[in-house]
Amino acid sequence: MSPSAPRHRSPTAGRQRLRRVEETSAGGLVLDSAEAAEARAALIGRIDRRGRLLWSLPKGHVEPGETAEDAAVREVAEETGITGRVVATLGTIDFWFVAEGRRIHKSLHHFLMLATDG
């Protein structure tokens, strides 16, 4: 290569490799009635960094030794004060994001729940 030829660097040259982390969360759509026309749902509202109100389903991390269903019931109760029981699986969302120098692979399990108390 001549001294005036451009040097090509790898796109990853100089970058630190991010540590990969697996996370599993669970939560759900909790309704106060099995009658669809009458049912109300519990949502979590929060203000983001830009001051916008965002709505989401209650959810949180699955603890060691806990099933996704158990975690969903616990998280709904912790975040809303509503005790519920799982009546169906709604599905799982699988996604990646980067936070605190880590590349996080998250699996989020959602369940349909019926409120029993709260």
C-alpha atoms as a PDB file:
ATOM      1  CA  MET A   1       0.000   0.000   0.000  1.00  0.00           C
ATOM      2  CA  SER A   2       1.399   3.403  -0.930  1.00  0.00           C
ATOM      3  CA  PRO A   3       1.808   6.072   1.775  1.00  0.00           C
ATOM      4  CA  SER A   4      -0.955   8.185   0.184  1.00  0.00           C
ATOM      5  CA  ALA A   5      -3.507   5.344  -0.091  1.00  0.00           C
ATOM      6  CA  PRO A   6      -6.488   5.701   2.265  1.00  0.00           C
ATOM      7  CA  ARG A   7      -6.525   3.383   5.244  1.00  0.00           C
ATOM      8  CA  HIS A   8      -9.731   1.466   5.774  1.00  0.00           C
ATOM      9  CA  ARG A   9     -10.715   0.644   9.309  1.00  0.00           C
ATOM     10  CA  SER A  10     -13.104  -2.036  10.365  1.00  0.00           C
ATOM     11  CA  PRO A  11     -16.504  -0.599  11.405  1.00  0.00           C
ATOM     12  CA  THR A  12     -15.957  -2.200  14.816  1.00  0.00           C
ATOM     13  CA  ALA A  13     -12.352  -1.053  15.246  1.00  0.00           C
ATOM     14  CA  GLY A  14     -11.863   0.796  18.509  1.00  0.00           C
ATOM     15  CA  ARG A  15     -15.293  -0.124  19.848  1.00  0.00           C
ATOM     16  CA  GLN A  16     -15.688  -1.966  23.089  1.00  0.00           C
ATOM     17  CA  ARG A  17     -17.758  -5.124  22.776  1.00  0.00           C
ATOM     18  CA  LEU A  18     -20.922  -4.809  24.881  1.00  0.00           C
ATOM     19  CA  ARG A  19     -21.707  -7.504  27.407  1.00  0.00           C
ATOM     20  CA  ARG A  20     -24.843  -9.439  26.427  1.00  0.00           C
ATOM     21  CA  VAL A  21     -27.475  -9.851  29.144  1.00  0.00           C
ATOM     22  CA  GLU A  22     -30.652 -11.951  29.084  1.00  0.00           C
ATOM     23  CA  GLU A  23     -33.693 -10.558  30.925  1.00  0.00           C
ATOM     24  CA  THR A  24     -37.167 -11.994  31.346  1.00  0.00           C
ATOM     25  CA  SER A  25     -40.186  -9.963  32.446  1.00  0.00           C
ATOM     26  CA  ALA A  26     -43.863 -10.698  32.807  1.00  0.00           C
ATOM     27  CA  GLY A  27     -47.052  -8.749  33.232  1.00  0.00           C
ATOM     28  CA  GLY A  28     -50.503  -8.530  31.935  1.00  0.00           C
ATOM     29  CA  LEU A  29     -53.748  -7.009  30.933  1.00  0.00           C
ATOM     30  CA  VAL A  30     -55.902  -7.227  34.034  1.00  0.00           C
ATOM     31  CA  LEU A  31     -59.656  -6.755  33.607  1.00  0.00           C
ATOM     32  CA  ASP A  32     -62.253  -6.215  36.312  1.00  0.00           C
ATOM     33  CA  SER A  33     -64.939  -8.220  34.493  1.00  0.00           C
ATOM     34  CA  ALA A  34     -65.129 -11.233  32.221  1.00  0.00           C
ATOM     35  CA  GLU A  35     -67.844  -9.426  30.244  1.00  0.00           C
ATOM     36  CA  ALA A  36     -65.955  -7.656  27.437  1.00  0.00           C
ATOM     37  CA  ALA A  37     -68.530  -4.871  27.028  1.00  0.00           C
ATOM     38  CA  GLU A  38     -68.376  -4.052  30.760  1.00  0.00           C
ATOM     39  CA  ALA A  39     -64.651  -4.626  31.455  1.00  0.00           C
ATOM     40  CA  ARG A  40     -62.194  -1.962  32.580  1.00  0.00           C
ATOM     41  CA  ALA A  41     -58.436  -2.507  32.328  1.00  0.00           C
ATOM     42  CA  ALA A  42     -55.591  -1.393  34.600  1.00  0.00           C
ATOM     43  CA  LEU A  43     -52.793   0.583  32.938  1.00  0.00           C
ATOM     44  CA  ILE A  44     -49.644   2.192  34.313  1.00  0.00           C
ATOM     45  CA  GLY A  45     -49.096   5.871  33.488  1.00  0.00           C
ATOM     46  CA  ARG A  46     -45.682   7.526  33.693  1.00  0.00           C
ATOM     47  CA  ILE A  47     -44.042  10.719  32.519  1.00  0.00           C
ATOM     48  CA  ASP A  48     -41.048  10.209  30.185  1.00  0.00           C
ATOM     49  CA  ARG A  49     -37.904  12.395  29.959  1.00  0.00           C
ATOM     50  CA  ARG A  50     -39.649  14.731  27.513  1.00  0.00           C
ATOM     51  CA  GLY A  51     -42.602  15.269  29.841  1.00  0.00           C
ATOM     52  CA  ARG A  52     -45.009  13.088  27.836  1.00  0.00           C
ATOM     53  CA  LEU A  53     -47.525  10.807  29.520  1.00  0.00           C
ATOM     54  CA  LEU A  54     -46.967   7.187  28.439  1.00  0.00           C
ATOM     55  CA  TRP A  55     -49.289   4.266  29.157  1.00  0.00           C
ATOM     56  CA  SER A  56     -48.245   0.624  29.534  1.00  0.00           C
ATOM     57  CA  LEU A  57     -49.358  -2.661  31.013  1.00  0.00           C
ATOM     58  CA  PRO A  58     -48.039  -3.483  34.501  1.00  0.00           C
ATOM     59  CA  LYS A  59     -44.962  -5.705  34.274  1.00  0.00           C
ATOM     60  CA  GLY A  60     -41.606  -6.496  35.864  1.00  0.00           C
ATOM     61  CA  HIS A  61     -38.720  -8.924  36.142  1.00  0.00           C
ATOM     62  CA  VAL A  62     -39.246 -12.627  36.755  1.00  0.00           C
ATOM     63  CA  GLU A  63     -37.443 -13.494  40.007  1.00  0.00           C
ATOM     64  CA  PRO A  64     -35.306 -16.667  40.397  1.00  0.00           C
ATOM     65  CA  GLY A  65     -37.512 -19.732  40.962  1.00  0.00           C
ATOM     66  CA  GLU A  66     -40.642 -17.897  39.815  1.00  0.00           C
ATOM     67  CA  THR A  67     -42.734 -18.783  36.757  1.00  0.00           C
ATOM     68  CA  ALA A  68     -43.683 -16.077  34.270  1.00  0.00           C
ATOM     69  CA  GLU A  69     -47.328 -16.444  35.354  1.00  0.00           C
ATOM     70  CA  ASP A  70     -46.412 -16.018  39.035  1.00  0.00           C
ATOM     71  CA  ALA A  71     -44.316 -12.955  38.186  1.00  0.00           C
ATOM     72  CA  ALA A  72     -47.179 -11.418  36.204  1.00  0.00           C
ATOM     73  CA  VAL A  73     -49.599 -11.832  39.122  1.00  0.00           C
ATOM     74  CA  ARG A  74     -47.016 -10.417  41.586  1.00  0.00           C
ATOM     75  CA  GLU A  75     -46.068  -7.454  39.385  1.00  0.00           C
ATOM     76  CA  VAL A  76     -49.691  -6.503  38.686  1.00  0.00           C
ATOM     77  CA  ALA A  77     -50.374  -6.557  42.442  1.00  0.00           C
ATOM     78  CA  GLU A  78     -47.232  -4.525  43.251  1.00  0.00           C
ATOM     79  CA  GLU A  79     -47.853  -1.896  40.590  1.00  0.00           C
ATOM     80  CA  THR A  80     -51.646  -1.548  40.779  1.00  0.00           C
ATOM     81  CA  GLY A  81     -52.806  -2.990  44.112  1.00  0.00           C
ATOM     82  CA  ILE A  82     -55.001  -5.414  42.154  1.00  0.00           C
ATOM     83  CA  THR A  83     -54.842  -9.152  42.789  1.00  0.00           C
ATOM     84  CA  GLY A  84     -55.600 -11.153  39.684  1.00  0.00           C
ATOM     85  CA  ARG A  85     -55.574 -14.635  38.272  1.00  0.00           C
ATOM     86  CA  VAL A  86     -54.261 -15.629  34.867  1.00  0.00           C
ATOM     87  CA  VAL A  87     -56.982 -16.763  32.453  1.00  0.00           C
ATOM     88  CA  ALA A  88     -54.986 -16.880  29.195  1.00  0.00           C
ATOM     89  CA  THR A  89     -51.599 -16.281  27.615  1.00  0.00           C
ATOM     90  CA  LEU A  90     -51.511 -13.232  25.327  1.00  0.00           C
ATOM     91  CA  GLY A  91     -48.030 -13.803  23.918  1.00  0.00           C
ATOM     92  CA  THR A  92     -44.375 -12.890  24.262  1.00  0.00           C
ATOM     93  CA  ILE A  93     -42.506  -9.877  22.924  1.00  0.00           C
ATOM     94  CA  ASP A  94     -38.819 -10.422  22.240  1.00  0.00           C
ATOM     95  CA  PHE A  95     -36.530  -7.400  21.703  1.00  0.00           C
ATOM     96  CA  TRP A  96     -33.009  -5.952  22.114  1.00  0.00           C
ATOM     97  CA  PHE A  97     -31.807  -2.642  23.563  1.00  0.00           C
ATOM     98  CA  VAL A  98     -28.627  -1.076  24.937  1.00  0.00           C
ATOM     99  CA  ALA A  99     -28.465   0.339  28.470  1.00  0.00           C
ATOM    100  CA  GLU A 100     -25.649   1.010  30.933  1.00  0.00           C
ATOM    101  CA  GLY A 101     -23.013  -0.415  28.597  1.00  0.00           C
ATOM    102  CA  ARG A 102     -24.888  -3.689  28.126  1.00  0.00           C
ATOM    103  CA  ARG A 103     -26.696  -5.191  25.140  1.00  0.00           C
ATOM    104  CA  ILE A 104     -29.903  -6.565  26.636  1.00  0.00           C
ATOM    105  CA  HIS A 105     -32.049  -9.284  25.108  1.00  0.00           C
ATOM    106  CA  LYS A 106     -35.467  -9.118  26.760  1.00  0.00           C
ATOM    107  CA  SER A 107     -38.356 -11.557  26.647  1.00  0.00           C
ATOM    108  CA  LEU A 108     -41.599 -10.065  27.947  1.00  0.00           C
ATOM    109  CA  HIS A 109     -44.480 -12.463  28.653  1.00  0.00           C
ATOM    110  CA  HIS A 110     -48.031 -11.037  28.674  1.00  0.00           C
ATOM    111  CA  PHE A 111     -51.070 -12.678  30.246  1.00  0.00           C
ATOM    112  CA  LEU A 112     -54.785 -11.900  30.313  1.00  0.00           C
ATOM    113  CA  MET A 113     -55.853 -11.661  33.936  1.00  0.00           C
ATOM    114  CA  LEU A 114     -59.129 -11.286  35.765  1.00  0.00           C
ATOM    115  CA  ALA A 115     -59.137  -9.173  38.937  1.00  0.00           C
ATOM    116  CA  THR A 116     -60.091 -11.060  42.088  1.00  0.00           C
ATOM    117  CA  ASP A 117     -59.412  -8.306  44.648  1.00  0.00           C
ATOM    118  CA  GLY A 118     -58.231  -4.712  44.930  1.00  0.00           C
END
